[in-house]
N, C-alpha and C. Protein backbone atom coordinates (compact mmCIF):
# COMPACT_ATOMS: atom_id res chain seq x y z
N UNK A 1 -63.06 256.68 -131.85
CA UNK A 1 -63.01 256.61 -130.38
C UNK A 1 -63.09 255.06 -129.58
N UNK A 2 -61.75 255.38 -128.93
CA UNK A 2 -61.21 253.66 -128.77
C UNK A 2 -61.90 253.34 -127.30
N UNK A 3 -61.88 251.98 -126.62
CA UNK A 3 -62.60 251.88 -125.86
C UNK A 3 -62.54 252.35 -124.48
N UNK A 4 -61.37 252.82 -123.94
CA UNK A 4 -61.46 253.85 -123.06
C UNK A 4 -61.94 255.42 -123.29
N UNK A 5 -62.29 255.78 -124.51
CA UNK A 5 -62.72 256.95 -124.48
C UNK A 5 -64.25 256.97 -124.55
N UNK A 6 -64.85 255.70 -124.98
CA UNK A 6 -66.20 255.23 -124.88
C UNK A 6 -66.86 255.20 -123.65
N UNK A 7 -65.88 254.50 -122.80
CA UNK A 7 -66.33 254.34 -121.80
C UNK A 7 -66.11 255.49 -120.71
N UNK A 8 -65.55 256.52 -120.70
CA UNK A 8 -65.61 257.39 -120.21
C UNK A 8 -66.75 258.43 -120.65
N UNK A 9 -67.28 258.21 -121.96
CA UNK A 9 -68.12 258.94 -122.69
C UNK A 9 -69.74 258.60 -121.93
N UNK A 10 -69.74 257.30 -122.03
CA UNK A 10 -70.97 256.43 -121.81
C UNK A 10 -70.91 256.07 -120.35
N UNK A 11 -71.06 256.66 -119.26
CA UNK A 11 -70.74 255.79 -118.21
C UNK A 11 -72.40 255.72 -117.55
N UNK A 12 -72.57 254.09 -117.85
CA UNK A 12 -73.41 253.34 -117.09
C UNK A 12 -73.73 252.46 -116.22
N UNK A 13 -74.74 251.95 -115.85
CA UNK A 13 -74.56 251.16 -114.41
C UNK A 13 -74.44 249.79 -115.20
N UNK A 14 -73.82 249.19 -114.54
CA UNK A 14 -73.55 247.62 -114.76
C UNK A 14 -73.74 246.91 -113.40
N UNK A 15 -74.50 245.52 -113.36
CA UNK A 15 -74.42 244.74 -112.35
C UNK A 15 -74.52 243.33 -113.02
N UNK A 16 -74.11 242.37 -112.29
CA UNK A 16 -74.11 240.81 -112.53
C UNK A 16 -75.16 239.98 -111.94
N UNK A 17 -76.16 239.42 -112.56
CA UNK A 17 -77.23 238.64 -112.13
C UNK A 17 -76.91 237.20 -112.43
N UNK A 18 -77.83 236.22 -112.21
CA UNK A 18 -77.55 235.18 -112.09
C UNK A 18 -77.60 234.53 -113.51
N UNK A 19 -78.24 235.18 -114.21
CA UNK A 19 -78.59 234.67 -116.06
C UNK A 19 -77.61 235.30 -116.49
N UNK A 20 -76.62 236.31 -116.51
CA UNK A 20 -75.98 237.09 -117.30
C UNK A 20 -75.48 238.35 -116.60
N UNK A 21 -74.37 238.89 -117.67
CA UNK A 21 -74.49 240.17 -116.73
C UNK A 21 -75.24 241.52 -117.28
N UNK A 22 -75.44 242.42 -116.99
CA UNK A 22 -76.60 243.69 -117.06
C UNK A 22 -75.81 244.76 -116.94
N UNK A 23 -76.06 245.41 -118.36
CA UNK A 23 -75.59 246.71 -118.29
C UNK A 23 -77.17 247.21 -118.39
N UNK A 24 -76.86 248.78 -117.66
CA UNK A 24 -78.20 249.69 -117.67
C UNK A 24 -78.30 250.89 -118.38
N UNK A 25 -78.82 251.38 -119.60
CA UNK A 25 -78.92 252.44 -120.23
C UNK A 25 -80.26 253.15 -120.41
N UNK A 26 -79.90 254.43 -119.99
CA UNK A 26 -81.03 255.48 -120.38
C UNK A 26 -80.79 256.00 -121.57
N UNK A 27 -81.93 255.61 -122.58
CA UNK A 27 -82.07 256.67 -123.72
C UNK A 27 -81.40 258.24 -123.56
N UNK A 28 -80.57 258.63 -124.25
CA UNK A 28 -80.53 259.90 -124.49
C UNK A 28 -81.10 260.68 -125.56
N UNK A 29 -81.31 261.83 -125.34
CA UNK A 29 -81.97 262.53 -126.67
C UNK A 29 -80.79 262.47 -128.07
N UNK A 30 -79.79 262.38 -127.95
CA UNK A 30 -78.58 262.64 -129.06
C UNK A 30 -78.63 260.94 -129.30
N UNK A 31 -78.98 259.85 -128.80
CA UNK A 31 -79.10 259.19 -129.55
C UNK A 31 -80.17 258.81 -130.18
N UNK A 32 -81.26 259.74 -130.68
CA UNK A 32 -82.07 259.30 -131.47
C UNK A 32 -82.17 260.18 -132.76
N UNK A 33 -83.13 259.44 -133.77
CA UNK A 33 -82.89 259.91 -135.10
C UNK A 33 -84.45 261.05 -135.30
N UNK A 34 -83.95 261.45 -136.11
CA UNK A 34 -85.30 262.28 -137.09
C UNK A 34 -86.59 261.47 -136.62
N UNK A 35 -86.36 260.21 -136.66
CA UNK A 35 -88.27 259.53 -136.49
C UNK A 35 -88.17 259.56 -134.80
N UNK A 36 -87.47 259.51 -133.98
CA UNK A 36 -87.23 260.05 -132.83
C UNK A 36 -87.01 258.47 -131.96
N UNK A 37 -86.91 257.80 -132.60
CA UNK A 37 -86.43 256.56 -132.01
C UNK A 37 -84.69 256.51 -131.96
N UNK A 38 -84.55 255.31 -131.15
CA UNK A 38 -82.94 255.38 -131.13
C UNK A 38 -82.24 255.09 -132.81
N UNK A 39 -81.53 255.55 -133.08
CA UNK A 39 -80.68 255.25 -134.34
C UNK A 39 -79.76 253.99 -134.07
N UNK A 40 -80.02 253.01 -135.48
CA UNK A 40 -79.54 251.81 -135.37
C UNK A 40 -78.30 251.77 -135.00
N UNK A 41 -77.34 252.59 -135.63
CA UNK A 41 -76.03 252.59 -134.98
C UNK A 41 -75.55 252.94 -133.58
N UNK A 42 -76.52 253.22 -132.71
CA UNK A 42 -76.00 253.66 -131.49
C UNK A 42 -76.61 252.60 -130.96
N UNK A 43 -77.08 251.39 -131.16
CA UNK A 43 -77.47 250.21 -131.01
C UNK A 43 -76.12 249.38 -130.80
N UNK A 44 -75.34 249.61 -131.91
CA UNK A 44 -73.65 248.64 -131.76
C UNK A 44 -73.10 249.15 -130.41
N UNK A 45 -73.40 250.98 -130.49
CA UNK A 45 -72.56 251.76 -129.01
C UNK A 45 -73.23 250.73 -127.93
N UNK A 46 -74.34 250.74 -127.91
CA UNK A 46 -74.78 249.92 -126.55
C UNK A 46 -74.27 248.81 -126.21
N UNK A 47 -74.19 247.87 -127.60
CA UNK A 47 -73.56 246.47 -127.33
C UNK A 47 -71.99 246.52 -126.97
N UNK A 48 -71.69 247.22 -127.70
CA UNK A 48 -70.04 247.40 -127.36
C UNK A 48 -69.72 247.74 -126.07
N UNK A 49 -70.57 248.69 -125.51
CA UNK A 49 -70.32 249.11 -124.06
C UNK A 49 -70.54 248.10 -123.12
N UNK A 50 -71.55 247.13 -123.25
CA UNK A 50 -71.85 245.97 -122.51
C UNK A 50 -71.09 245.03 -122.52
N UNK A 51 -70.37 244.63 -123.81
CA UNK A 51 -69.24 243.95 -123.83
C UNK A 51 -67.89 244.33 -123.09
N UNK A 52 -67.65 245.65 -123.55
CA UNK A 52 -66.70 245.88 -122.59
C UNK A 52 -67.27 246.20 -121.05
N UNK A 53 -68.00 246.56 -120.98
CA UNK A 53 -68.30 246.28 -119.28
C UNK A 53 -68.28 245.19 -118.63
N UNK A 54 -68.73 244.32 -119.74
CA UNK A 54 -68.70 242.53 -118.60
C UNK A 54 -66.89 242.43 -118.77
N UNK A 55 -65.98 242.32 -119.80
CA UNK A 55 -65.09 241.82 -119.91
C UNK A 55 -64.11 242.45 -118.97
N UNK A 56 -64.46 244.13 -118.76
CA UNK A 56 -63.63 244.85 -117.64
C UNK A 56 -64.00 244.67 -116.30
N UNK A 57 -64.85 243.85 -116.12
CA UNK A 57 -64.96 243.46 -114.71
C UNK A 57 -65.01 242.05 -114.42
N UNK A 58 -65.10 241.31 -115.43
CA UNK A 58 -64.72 239.56 -115.26
C UNK A 58 -63.09 239.96 -115.23
N UNK A 59 -62.41 240.32 -116.13
CA UNK A 59 -60.77 240.74 -115.90
C UNK A 59 -60.32 241.43 -114.79
N UNK A 60 -60.98 242.54 -114.10
CA UNK A 60 -60.71 243.17 -113.11
C UNK A 60 -59.38 243.76 -113.54
N UNK A 61 -59.50 244.58 -115.02
CA UNK A 61 -58.47 245.53 -115.32
C UNK A 61 -59.14 246.93 -115.32
N UNK A 62 -58.26 247.72 -115.09
CA UNK A 62 -58.12 249.12 -115.30
C UNK A 62 -58.67 249.32 -116.64
N UNK A 63 -59.65 250.69 -116.90
CA UNK A 63 -60.17 250.69 -118.11
C UNK A 63 -59.55 251.33 -119.23
N UNK A 64 -58.43 251.68 -118.78
CA UNK A 64 -57.36 252.27 -119.65
C UNK A 64 -56.14 250.93 -120.23
N UNK A 65 -56.83 249.72 -119.92
CA UNK A 65 -55.80 249.03 -119.91
C UNK A 65 -56.43 247.90 -121.54
N UNK A 66 -55.74 247.73 -122.17
CA UNK A 66 -56.27 246.63 -123.56
C UNK A 66 -56.92 245.47 -123.13
N UNK A 67 -57.44 245.29 -123.20
CA UNK A 67 -58.13 243.92 -123.38
C UNK A 67 -57.50 242.59 -123.88
N UNK A 68 -57.41 241.36 -123.74
CA UNK A 68 -56.37 240.04 -124.30
C UNK A 68 -57.04 239.79 -125.76
N UNK A 69 -58.22 240.54 -125.98
CA UNK A 69 -58.85 239.88 -127.34
C UNK A 69 -59.60 241.28 -128.06
N UNK A 70 -59.56 240.99 -129.29
CA UNK A 70 -60.46 242.18 -130.44
C UNK A 70 -61.83 241.64 -130.45
N UNK A 71 -62.90 242.40 -130.96
CA UNK A 71 -64.02 242.26 -131.67
C UNK A 71 -64.13 242.10 -132.90
N UNK A 72 -64.50 241.29 -133.52
CA UNK A 72 -64.15 241.04 -134.91
C UNK A 72 -65.59 240.66 -135.95
N UNK A 73 -66.42 240.57 -134.94
CA UNK A 73 -67.74 240.46 -135.94
C UNK A 73 -68.74 240.75 -134.87
N UNK A 74 -69.92 241.65 -135.26
CA UNK A 74 -71.08 242.02 -134.36
C UNK A 74 -72.33 242.05 -135.42
N UNK A 75 -73.34 241.41 -134.77
CA UNK A 75 -74.65 242.02 -135.69
C UNK A 75 -75.49 242.31 -134.75
N UNK A 76 -76.93 242.37 -135.22
CA UNK A 76 -78.38 243.10 -134.30
C UNK A 76 -79.13 243.11 -134.96
N UNK A 77 -80.39 242.88 -134.35
CA UNK A 77 -81.45 242.07 -134.89
C UNK A 77 -82.53 243.38 -134.17
N UNK A 78 -83.25 244.33 -134.71
CA UNK A 78 -83.67 245.13 -133.97
C UNK A 78 -84.86 244.36 -134.10
N UNK A 79 -85.78 243.90 -132.53
CA UNK A 79 -86.97 244.01 -132.68
C UNK A 79 -88.25 244.91 -132.25
N UNK A 80 -87.97 245.91 -131.56
CA UNK A 80 -88.86 247.27 -131.70
C UNK A 80 -88.17 248.24 -131.43
N UNK A 81 -88.82 249.50 -131.51
CA UNK A 81 -87.94 250.62 -131.41
C UNK A 81 -87.70 251.00 -129.62
N UNK A 82 -86.55 251.93 -129.22
CA UNK A 82 -86.25 252.37 -128.18
C UNK A 82 -86.41 253.93 -128.87
N UNK A 83 -86.83 254.79 -127.48
CA UNK A 83 -86.92 255.72 -127.64
C UNK A 83 -86.45 257.04 -126.50
N UNK A 84 -85.95 258.17 -126.84
CA UNK A 84 -85.37 258.88 -125.72
C UNK A 84 -86.43 258.93 -124.53
N UNK A 85 -85.31 259.00 -123.08
CA UNK A 85 -85.84 258.49 -122.01
C UNK A 85 -86.10 256.95 -121.59
N UNK A 86 -86.28 256.15 -122.69
CA UNK A 86 -86.62 254.65 -121.85
C UNK A 86 -85.17 254.33 -121.37
N UNK A 87 -85.89 252.87 -120.19
CA UNK A 87 -84.62 252.70 -119.62
C UNK A 87 -84.55 251.54 -120.30
N UNK A 88 -82.99 251.06 -120.55
CA UNK A 88 -82.71 249.88 -120.81
C UNK A 88 -81.95 248.94 -120.26
N UNK A 89 -82.06 247.54 -120.53
CA UNK A 89 -80.94 246.49 -119.86
C UNK A 89 -80.36 245.71 -120.99
N UNK A 90 -79.26 245.44 -120.87
CA UNK A 90 -78.59 244.65 -122.16
C UNK A 90 -77.83 243.20 -121.03
N UNK A 91 -78.71 242.34 -121.38
CA UNK A 91 -77.69 241.19 -120.65
C UNK A 91 -76.82 240.74 -121.80
N UNK A 92 -76.07 239.94 -121.16
CA UNK A 92 -74.52 239.47 -121.93
C UNK A 92 -74.04 238.43 -121.04
N UNK A 93 -73.52 237.36 -122.14
CA UNK A 93 -73.02 236.18 -121.88
C UNK A 93 -72.07 235.71 -122.71
N UNK A 94 -71.54 234.61 -122.47
CA UNK A 94 -70.50 234.14 -123.56
C UNK A 94 -71.29 232.81 -123.85
N UNK A 95 -71.59 232.40 -124.85
CA UNK A 95 -71.83 231.42 -125.25
C UNK A 95 -71.07 230.39 -126.06
N UNK A 96 -70.06 230.61 -126.15
CA UNK A 96 -69.17 229.10 -127.12
C UNK A 96 -68.10 229.72 -127.30
N UNK A 97 -67.07 229.03 -127.08
CA UNK A 97 -65.92 228.93 -127.08
C UNK A 97 -65.14 228.21 -128.62
N UNK A 98 -64.33 228.78 -128.80
CA UNK A 98 -63.49 228.08 -130.09
C UNK A 98 -61.71 227.74 -129.47
N UNK A 99 -61.59 227.57 -130.73
CA UNK A 99 -59.78 227.63 -130.28
C UNK A 99 -59.11 228.90 -129.82
N UNK A 100 -59.67 229.75 -130.70
CA UNK A 100 -58.87 231.05 -130.43
C UNK A 100 -60.08 232.08 -130.26
N UNK A 101 -61.48 231.69 -130.82
CA UNK A 101 -62.32 232.66 -130.35
C UNK A 101 -63.30 232.28 -129.53
N UNK A 102 -64.30 233.32 -129.16
CA UNK A 102 -65.57 233.18 -128.39
C UNK A 102 -66.63 234.09 -128.53
N UNK A 103 -67.70 233.59 -128.70
CA UNK A 103 -69.10 234.37 -128.91
C UNK A 103 -69.89 234.52 -127.95
N UNK A 104 -70.72 235.83 -127.94
CA UNK A 104 -71.52 236.46 -126.93
C UNK A 104 -72.54 236.59 -127.61
N UNK A 105 -73.71 236.73 -126.57
CA UNK A 105 -74.82 236.87 -127.12
C UNK A 105 -75.32 237.94 -126.14
N UNK A 106 -76.34 239.12 -126.59
CA UNK A 106 -76.80 240.12 -125.95
C UNK A 106 -78.21 240.10 -126.08
N UNK A 107 -78.60 240.47 -124.83
CA UNK A 107 -80.40 240.74 -125.23
C UNK A 107 -80.76 242.12 -124.66
N UNK A 108 -81.56 243.02 -125.42
CA UNK A 108 -82.04 244.11 -124.81
C UNK A 108 -83.18 244.58 -124.84
N UNK A 109 -83.66 244.81 -123.20
CA UNK A 109 -84.97 244.83 -123.07
C UNK A 109 -85.41 246.28 -122.57
N UNK A 110 -86.64 246.61 -122.73
CA UNK A 110 -86.86 247.93 -122.12
C UNK A 110 -87.37 247.59 -120.17
N UNK A 111 -86.95 248.33 -119.86
CA UNK A 111 -87.28 248.17 -118.32
C UNK A 111 -88.77 248.79 -118.06
N UNK A 112 -89.84 247.90 -118.10
CA UNK A 112 -90.81 247.87 -118.28
C UNK A 112 -91.99 247.28 -117.40
N UNK A 113 -93.06 247.40 -117.12
CA UNK A 113 -93.87 246.11 -116.89
C UNK A 113 -93.56 245.05 -117.13
N UNK A 114 -93.67 244.71 -118.87
CA UNK A 114 -93.70 244.07 -119.76
C UNK A 114 -92.24 243.28 -119.91
N UNK A 115 -90.92 244.08 -119.69
CA UNK A 115 -89.60 243.68 -119.69
C UNK A 115 -89.64 243.22 -121.32
N UNK A 116 -90.23 244.32 -122.46
CA UNK A 116 -90.03 244.01 -123.87
C UNK A 116 -89.07 243.70 -124.24
N UNK A 117 -88.80 242.78 -124.89
CA UNK A 117 -87.24 243.20 -126.17
C UNK A 117 -87.18 243.89 -127.30
N UNK A 118 -86.35 244.72 -126.87
CA UNK A 118 -85.79 245.55 -127.98
C UNK A 118 -84.98 245.26 -128.90
N UNK A 119 -84.01 244.62 -128.66
CA UNK A 119 -83.42 244.15 -129.86
C UNK A 119 -82.28 242.83 -129.24
N UNK A 120 -81.75 242.02 -130.38
CA UNK A 120 -80.72 240.88 -130.12
C UNK A 120 -79.50 241.19 -130.78
N UNK A 121 -78.41 240.89 -129.91
CA UNK A 121 -77.25 240.99 -130.58
C UNK A 121 -76.18 239.69 -130.30
N UNK A 122 -75.46 239.64 -131.17
CA UNK A 122 -74.32 238.67 -130.90
C UNK A 122 -72.74 239.27 -131.62
N UNK A 123 -71.58 239.06 -130.88
CA UNK A 123 -70.39 239.56 -131.43
C UNK A 123 -69.46 238.33 -131.21
N UNK A 124 -68.74 238.33 -132.15
CA UNK A 124 -67.44 237.18 -131.82
C UNK A 124 -66.52 237.97 -131.97
N UNK A 125 -65.36 237.47 -130.77
CA UNK A 125 -64.02 237.88 -130.35
C UNK A 125 -63.06 236.88 -130.52
N UNK A 126 -61.66 237.39 -131.06
CA UNK A 126 -60.80 236.44 -131.13
C UNK A 126 -59.62 236.96 -129.82
N UNK A 127 -58.50 236.20 -129.14
CA UNK A 127 -57.74 236.37 -128.55
C UNK A 127 -56.74 236.92 -129.47
N UNK A 128 -55.73 237.94 -128.80
CA UNK A 128 -54.82 238.54 -129.37
C UNK A 128 -54.08 238.95 -128.96
N UNK A 129 -52.50 238.56 -129.33
CA UNK A 129 -51.23 238.90 -128.80
C UNK A 129 -50.57 240.54 -129.63
N UNK A 130 -51.02 241.36 -128.78
CA UNK A 130 -50.25 242.98 -129.24
C UNK A 130 -49.32 243.05 -129.39
N UNK A 131 -48.22 242.32 -128.67
CA UNK A 131 -46.92 242.45 -129.01
C UNK A 131 -46.63 241.65 -130.57
N UNK A 132 -47.13 240.55 -131.17
CA UNK A 132 -46.47 239.82 -131.81
C UNK A 132 -47.51 239.75 -132.85
N UNK A 133 -48.43 241.13 -132.69
CA UNK A 133 -49.41 241.05 -133.65
C UNK A 133 -50.08 240.10 -134.83
N UNK A 134 -50.57 239.01 -133.19
CA UNK A 134 -51.23 237.73 -134.14
C UNK A 134 -52.36 237.21 -133.02
N UNK A 135 -53.26 236.61 -133.65
CA UNK A 135 -54.28 235.64 -132.82
C UNK A 135 -53.51 234.80 -131.78
N UNK A 136 -53.76 234.26 -130.85
CA UNK A 136 -53.84 233.38 -129.79
C UNK A 136 -54.84 232.28 -129.46
N UNK A 137 -54.44 231.08 -129.31
CA UNK A 137 -55.27 230.09 -128.20
C UNK A 137 -55.88 230.96 -126.89
N UNK A 138 -57.16 230.56 -127.00
CA UNK A 138 -57.80 231.14 -125.87
C UNK A 138 -57.53 230.21 -124.39
N UNK A 139 -56.95 230.85 -123.62
CA UNK A 139 -56.10 230.37 -122.22
C UNK A 139 -57.26 229.34 -121.40
N UNK A 140 -56.96 228.35 -121.04
CA UNK A 140 -57.98 227.61 -120.20
C UNK A 140 -58.43 228.51 -118.95
N UNK A 141 -57.60 229.21 -118.20
CA UNK A 141 -57.55 230.20 -117.31
C UNK A 141 -58.98 231.08 -117.47
N UNK A 142 -58.60 231.55 -118.94
CA UNK A 142 -59.92 232.66 -119.29
C UNK A 142 -61.14 231.76 -119.63
N UNK A 143 -61.03 230.71 -119.69
CA UNK A 143 -62.19 230.10 -119.85
C UNK A 143 -62.76 229.98 -118.73
N UNK A 144 -62.31 229.15 -117.55
CA UNK A 144 -62.72 228.98 -116.64
C UNK A 144 -63.02 229.98 -115.68
N UNK A 145 -62.44 231.26 -116.04
CA UNK A 145 -62.94 232.82 -115.11
C UNK A 145 -64.30 232.97 -115.72
N UNK A 146 -64.41 232.84 -117.07
CA UNK A 146 -66.00 233.43 -117.76
C UNK A 146 -67.04 232.23 -116.96
N UNK A 147 -66.70 230.91 -117.30
CA UNK A 147 -67.81 229.97 -116.79
C UNK A 147 -67.82 229.80 -115.13
N UNK A 148 -66.99 230.51 -114.54
CA UNK A 148 -67.32 230.43 -112.74
C UNK A 148 -67.88 232.16 -112.63
N UNK A 149 -67.62 233.07 -113.28
CA UNK A 149 -68.37 234.50 -113.47
C UNK A 149 -69.62 234.26 -114.00
N UNK A 150 -70.18 233.46 -115.04
CA UNK A 150 -71.63 233.29 -115.59
C UNK A 150 -72.19 232.80 -114.53
N UNK A 151 -71.61 232.00 -113.78
CA UNK A 151 -72.66 231.00 -112.94
C UNK A 151 -72.48 231.71 -111.09
N UNK A 152 -71.81 232.68 -111.02
CA UNK A 152 -72.13 232.81 -109.80
C UNK A 152 -73.39 233.22 -109.35
């Protein structure tokens, strides 16, 4: 499933706060495993959706257009289980720029009185030229967009 199909299939609410871009997710029954909690691969779907929502909003691109970068690495640390019906928020932000890549962090919380952490994620993305089929240097304009976006 490509990014466009993913975003069409999973329609989640997203907002931007002063501390990061927030994606709101309600855990669906199909997201759970035989133990009744969110299945580990689904956390990666949630993190991918948070990244895609952030970038499409930042770049003001239609959701069927390719992003100028690709995800090359992702990790997720599970802190506590999430269950069917839980409301979750994923706060995402770019934390580091390299020459051709940038890193993001994602913090997934349960929307409850404790605002408890469910998982922590990170991802690495590389700027990519699809026509030349190669990586490219991150444009200063992109860095400026991200910095402006995260401080508004």
